[in-house]
Amino acid sequence: MASPRWLVAVASPVAELNGLEGQTIVVTQGSLNLAGVYKIIADQKLNAKIVQGKDHAESLLMLSTGRAAAWFEDDILVAGLVTNAPDPKTFRMLPQPTRRPITG
């Protein structure tokens, strides 16, 4: 089962969620994780900016070029894109998976 995770650059000092304070987070446009990231940010009282990539490739590009400090997306999608990236070793997932918030 896919689980939303945080992807960051290996060189990033971010080691856990609170490290995203004041940072920009990218979520792919149309992702079911968009509502979840807003809820997580609100619950954790993080001052973070949420931006949307037009597709997963753009979201990964935003992360790899430093326009975003983290990407929040399903781990299985992230893993596939990172594997096919020019240098997959430049990315890492934060250790704790984040469960989807229950809605409805």
N, C-alpha and C. Protein backbone atom coordinates (compact mmCIF):
# COMPACT_ATOMS: atom_id res chain seq x y z
N MET A 1 0.84 -1.18 0.00
CA MET A 1 0.00 0.00 0.00
C MET A 1 0.89 1.25 0.00
N ALA A 2 0.57 2.18 -0.85
CA ALA A 2 1.33 3.43 -0.93
C ALA A 2 1.07 4.28 0.31
N SER A 3 2.09 5.00 0.70
CA SER A 3 1.99 5.88 1.86
C SER A 3 2.67 7.20 1.52
N PRO A 4 2.04 8.32 1.84
CA PRO A 4 2.69 9.61 1.56
C PRO A 4 3.96 9.76 2.39
N ARG A 5 5.00 10.27 1.75
CA ARG A 5 6.29 10.46 2.41
C ARG A 5 6.88 11.80 1.99
N TRP A 6 7.84 12.25 2.76
CA TRP A 6 8.57 13.48 2.48
C TRP A 6 9.87 13.11 1.80
N LEU A 7 10.15 13.69 0.65
CA LEU A 7 11.41 13.51 -0.05
C LEU A 7 12.19 14.81 0.07
N VAL A 8 13.46 14.71 0.41
CA VAL A 8 14.33 15.88 0.52
C VAL A 8 15.65 15.56 -0.19
N ALA A 9 16.44 16.58 -0.39
CA ALA A 9 17.77 16.38 -0.95
C ALA A 9 18.68 15.80 0.12
N VAL A 10 19.61 14.94 -0.27
CA VAL A 10 20.56 14.36 0.67
C VAL A 10 21.32 15.46 1.41
N ALA A 11 21.66 16.52 0.70
CA ALA A 11 22.42 17.63 1.30
C ALA A 11 21.59 18.49 2.25
N SER A 12 20.29 18.29 2.28
CA SER A 12 19.40 19.10 3.12
C SER A 12 19.63 18.81 4.60
N PRO A 13 19.57 19.85 5.43
CA PRO A 13 19.67 19.62 6.87
C PRO A 13 18.37 19.09 7.48
N VAL A 14 17.30 19.05 6.70
CA VAL A 14 16.00 18.60 7.21
C VAL A 14 16.07 17.12 7.53
N ALA A 15 15.83 16.79 8.81
CA ALA A 15 15.86 15.40 9.24
C ALA A 15 14.49 14.93 9.74
N GLU A 16 13.62 15.88 10.01
CA GLU A 16 12.27 15.55 10.47
C GLU A 16 11.34 16.69 10.09
N LEU A 17 10.07 16.47 10.30
CA LEU A 17 9.04 17.41 9.86
C LEU A 17 9.27 18.83 10.34
N ASN A 18 9.65 19.03 11.59
CA ASN A 18 9.81 20.40 12.09
C ASN A 18 10.97 21.14 11.41
N GLY A 19 11.81 20.42 10.71
CA GLY A 19 12.88 21.05 9.94
C GLY A 19 12.37 21.80 8.72
N LEU A 20 11.10 21.64 8.42
CA LEU A 20 10.49 22.34 7.27
C LEU A 20 9.92 23.70 7.64
N GLU A 21 10.13 24.12 8.88
CA GLU A 21 9.69 25.45 9.32
C GLU A 21 10.28 26.52 8.41
N GLY A 22 9.39 27.35 7.83
CA GLY A 22 9.83 28.45 6.98
C GLY A 22 10.25 28.03 5.58
N GLN A 23 10.07 26.77 5.23
CA GLN A 23 10.51 26.24 3.95
C GLN A 23 9.36 26.16 2.95
N THR A 24 9.71 25.90 1.71
CA THR A 24 8.73 25.67 0.64
C THR A 24 8.60 24.17 0.42
N ILE A 25 7.36 23.72 0.35
CA ILE A 25 7.05 22.31 0.13
C ILE A 25 6.29 22.20 -1.18
N VAL A 26 6.68 21.25 -2.01
CA VAL A 26 5.97 21.04 -3.28
C VAL A 26 5.09 19.80 -3.17
N VAL A 27 3.90 19.90 -3.74
CA VAL A 27 2.96 18.80 -3.88
C VAL A 27 2.48 18.85 -5.33
N THR A 28 2.38 17.72 -5.97
CA THR A 28 1.96 17.69 -7.36
C THR A 28 0.49 18.08 -7.49
N GLN A 29 0.22 18.94 -8.47
CA GLN A 29 -1.14 19.41 -8.73
C GLN A 29 -2.06 18.21 -8.96
N GLY A 30 -3.21 18.22 -8.30
CA GLY A 30 -4.19 17.14 -8.44
C GLY A 30 -3.93 15.96 -7.52
N SER A 31 -2.84 15.99 -6.76
CA SER A 31 -2.52 14.89 -5.85
C SER A 31 -3.52 14.85 -4.70
N LEU A 32 -3.88 13.65 -4.31
CA LEU A 32 -4.74 13.48 -3.15
C LEU A 32 -4.04 13.90 -1.87
N ASN A 33 -2.72 14.07 -1.94
CA ASN A 33 -1.94 14.46 -0.77
C ASN A 33 -1.97 15.96 -0.49
N LEU A 34 -2.55 16.74 -1.36
CA LEU A 34 -2.58 18.19 -1.16
C LEU A 34 -3.33 18.55 0.13
N ALA A 35 -4.51 18.01 0.30
CA ALA A 35 -5.28 18.29 1.53
C ALA A 35 -4.52 17.79 2.75
N GLY A 36 -3.86 16.66 2.62
CA GLY A 36 -3.11 16.09 3.73
C GLY A 36 -1.95 16.97 4.16
N VAL A 37 -1.23 17.54 3.19
CA VAL A 37 -0.09 18.38 3.56
C VAL A 37 -0.56 19.66 4.24
N TYR A 38 -1.67 20.22 3.80
CA TYR A 38 -2.20 21.41 4.48
C TYR A 38 -2.59 21.07 5.92
N LYS A 39 -3.19 19.90 6.12
CA LYS A 39 -3.58 19.49 7.48
C LYS A 39 -2.35 19.26 8.35
N ILE A 40 -1.34 18.59 7.82
CA ILE A 40 -0.12 18.34 8.59
C ILE A 40 0.55 19.65 8.98
N ILE A 41 0.65 20.57 8.04
CA ILE A 41 1.28 21.87 8.31
C ILE A 41 0.51 22.63 9.39
N ALA A 42 -0.82 22.59 9.29
CA ALA A 42 -1.65 23.27 10.29
C ALA A 42 -1.52 22.59 11.66
N ASP A 43 -1.60 21.26 11.68
CA ASP A 43 -1.51 20.53 12.95
C ASP A 43 -0.17 20.74 13.64
N GLN A 44 0.90 20.81 12.85
CA GLN A 44 2.25 20.98 13.40
C GLN A 44 2.60 22.46 13.61
N LYS A 45 1.68 23.34 13.19
CA LYS A 45 1.88 24.78 13.31
C LYS A 45 3.19 25.23 12.64
N LEU A 46 3.43 24.66 11.46
CA LEU A 46 4.62 25.02 10.69
C LEU A 46 4.31 26.20 9.79
N ASN A 47 5.23 27.11 9.73
CA ASN A 47 5.13 28.23 8.81
C ASN A 47 5.84 27.80 7.53
N ALA A 48 5.11 27.12 6.66
CA ALA A 48 5.69 26.61 5.42
C ALA A 48 4.82 27.04 4.25
N LYS A 49 5.45 27.23 3.12
CA LYS A 49 4.75 27.62 1.90
C LYS A 49 4.52 26.37 1.06
N ILE A 50 3.30 26.19 0.58
CA ILE A 50 2.96 25.05 -0.27
C ILE A 50 2.86 25.54 -1.71
N VAL A 51 3.59 24.89 -2.60
CA VAL A 51 3.50 25.17 -4.03
C VAL A 51 3.15 23.87 -4.73
N GLN A 52 2.63 23.98 -5.95
CA GLN A 52 2.25 22.80 -6.70
C GLN A 52 3.03 22.68 -8.00
N GLY A 53 3.58 21.49 -8.23
CA GLY A 53 4.19 21.19 -9.51
C GLY A 53 3.10 20.74 -10.46
N LYS A 54 3.24 21.05 -11.75
CA LYS A 54 2.18 20.68 -12.70
C LYS A 54 2.07 19.17 -12.89
N ASP A 55 3.17 18.45 -12.64
CA ASP A 55 3.19 16.99 -12.70
C ASP A 55 4.32 16.50 -11.79
N HIS A 56 4.47 15.19 -11.65
CA HIS A 56 5.48 14.65 -10.74
C HIS A 56 6.90 15.03 -11.18
N ALA A 57 7.14 15.05 -12.47
CA ALA A 57 8.47 15.42 -12.97
C ALA A 57 8.83 16.85 -12.55
N GLU A 58 7.86 17.77 -12.66
CA GLU A 58 8.13 19.14 -12.25
C GLU A 58 8.33 19.23 -10.73
N SER A 59 7.57 18.47 -9.97
CA SER A 59 7.75 18.47 -8.51
C SER A 59 9.16 18.01 -8.14
N LEU A 60 9.64 16.94 -8.78
CA LEU A 60 10.99 16.46 -8.52
C LEU A 60 12.03 17.49 -8.96
N LEU A 61 11.78 18.15 -10.08
CA LEU A 61 12.69 19.19 -10.57
C LEU A 61 12.76 20.35 -9.57
N MET A 62 11.61 20.74 -9.02
CA MET A 62 11.59 21.83 -8.03
C MET A 62 12.42 21.46 -6.81
N LEU A 63 12.34 20.21 -6.41
CA LEU A 63 13.14 19.76 -5.27
C LEU A 63 14.63 19.73 -5.64
N SER A 64 14.94 19.18 -6.80
CA SER A 64 16.36 19.02 -7.17
C SER A 64 17.05 20.34 -7.46
N THR A 65 16.29 21.36 -7.82
CA THR A 65 16.90 22.67 -8.11
C THR A 65 16.84 23.62 -6.91
N GLY A 66 16.31 23.15 -5.79
CA GLY A 66 16.27 23.97 -4.58
C GLY A 66 15.10 24.93 -4.50
N ARG A 67 14.17 24.85 -5.45
CA ARG A 67 12.99 25.71 -5.37
C ARG A 67 12.00 25.21 -4.33
N ALA A 68 12.19 23.99 -3.84
CA ALA A 68 11.40 23.44 -2.74
C ALA A 68 12.35 22.66 -1.84
N ALA A 69 12.07 22.68 -0.54
CA ALA A 69 12.90 21.96 0.42
C ALA A 69 12.45 20.51 0.57
N ALA A 70 11.20 20.23 0.21
CA ALA A 70 10.66 18.88 0.35
C ALA A 70 9.54 18.67 -0.65
N TRP A 71 9.32 17.43 -0.99
CA TRP A 71 8.21 17.02 -1.85
C TRP A 71 7.40 16.00 -1.07
N PHE A 72 6.10 16.19 -1.01
CA PHE A 72 5.20 15.30 -0.28
C PHE A 72 4.36 14.54 -1.30
N GLU A 73 4.60 13.23 -1.38
CA GLU A 73 3.88 12.41 -2.37
C GLU A 73 3.95 10.94 -1.94
N ASP A 74 3.14 10.11 -2.59
CA ASP A 74 3.14 8.69 -2.27
C ASP A 74 4.51 8.08 -2.54
N ASP A 75 4.96 7.29 -1.58
CA ASP A 75 6.31 6.73 -1.66
C ASP A 75 6.56 5.92 -2.92
N ILE A 76 5.58 5.19 -3.39
CA ILE A 76 5.80 4.35 -4.57
C ILE A 76 6.03 5.21 -5.83
N LEU A 77 5.34 6.33 -5.94
CA LEU A 77 5.55 7.24 -7.07
C LEU A 77 6.91 7.91 -6.97
N VAL A 78 7.23 8.35 -5.78
CA VAL A 78 8.52 9.02 -5.55
C VAL A 78 9.67 8.05 -5.85
N ALA A 79 9.57 6.83 -5.37
CA ALA A 79 10.65 5.86 -5.56
C ALA A 79 10.91 5.61 -7.05
N GLY A 80 9.85 5.48 -7.83
CA GLY A 80 10.02 5.26 -9.27
C GLY A 80 10.69 6.43 -9.96
N LEU A 81 10.28 7.64 -9.62
CA LEU A 81 10.88 8.82 -10.25
C LEU A 81 12.32 9.02 -9.81
N VAL A 82 12.60 8.79 -8.55
CA VAL A 82 13.97 8.95 -8.06
C VAL A 82 14.88 7.91 -8.72
N THR A 83 14.41 6.69 -8.85
CA THR A 83 15.21 5.64 -9.49
C THR A 83 15.62 6.02 -10.90
N ASN A 84 14.75 6.72 -11.61
CA ASN A 84 15.03 7.12 -12.99
C ASN A 84 15.67 8.50 -13.10
N ALA A 85 15.93 9.16 -11.98
CA ALA A 85 16.56 10.48 -12.00
C ALA A 85 18.02 10.34 -12.43
N PRO A 86 18.60 11.42 -12.98
CA PRO A 86 20.01 11.36 -13.38
C PRO A 86 20.95 10.92 -12.25
N ASP A 87 20.69 11.35 -11.01
CA ASP A 87 21.51 10.95 -9.87
C ASP A 87 20.60 10.64 -8.67
N PRO A 88 20.09 9.42 -8.62
CA PRO A 88 19.14 9.06 -7.56
C PRO A 88 19.69 9.22 -6.15
N LYS A 89 21.00 9.18 -6.00
CA LYS A 89 21.60 9.26 -4.66
C LYS A 89 21.55 10.66 -4.07
N THR A 90 21.02 11.63 -4.82
CA THR A 90 20.93 13.00 -4.30
C THR A 90 19.65 13.24 -3.52
N PHE A 91 18.81 12.21 -3.39
CA PHE A 91 17.54 12.33 -2.67
C PHE A 91 17.45 11.30 -1.56
N ARG A 92 16.64 11.65 -0.54
CA ARG A 92 16.35 10.70 0.53
C ARG A 92 14.95 10.99 1.07
N MET A 93 14.30 9.95 1.54
CA MET A 93 13.00 10.12 2.18
C MET A 93 13.22 10.30 3.67
N LEU A 94 12.41 11.16 4.26
CA LEU A 94 12.46 11.28 5.71
C LEU A 94 12.00 9.96 6.31
N PRO A 95 12.52 9.57 7.45
CA PRO A 95 12.32 8.22 7.96
C PRO A 95 10.90 7.81 8.32
N GLN A 96 10.09 8.71 8.80
CA GLN A 96 8.76 8.32 9.26
C GLN A 96 7.72 8.50 8.17
N PRO A 97 7.04 7.42 7.79
CA PRO A 97 5.94 7.59 6.84
C PRO A 97 4.81 8.37 7.49
N THR A 98 4.09 9.11 6.70
CA THR A 98 2.97 9.90 7.18
C THR A 98 1.69 9.27 6.66
N ARG A 99 0.79 8.97 7.54
CA ARG A 99 -0.48 8.36 7.12
C ARG A 99 -1.40 9.43 6.57
N ARG A 100 -2.23 9.03 5.62
CA ARG A 100 -3.23 9.96 5.08
C ARG A 100 -4.21 10.32 6.19
N PRO A 101 -4.55 11.59 6.30
CA PRO A 101 -5.57 11.95 7.28
C PRO A 101 -6.93 11.39 6.86
N ILE A 102 -7.71 10.99 7.80
CA ILE A 102 -9.05 10.49 7.49
C ILE A 102 -9.94 11.68 7.23
N THR A 103 -10.61 11.66 6.10
CA THR A 103 -11.50 12.76 5.73
C THR A 103 -12.90 12.21 5.52
N GLY A 104 -13.83 13.13 5.49
CA GLY A 104 -15.18 12.70 5.12
C GLY A 104 -16.05 12.69 6.28
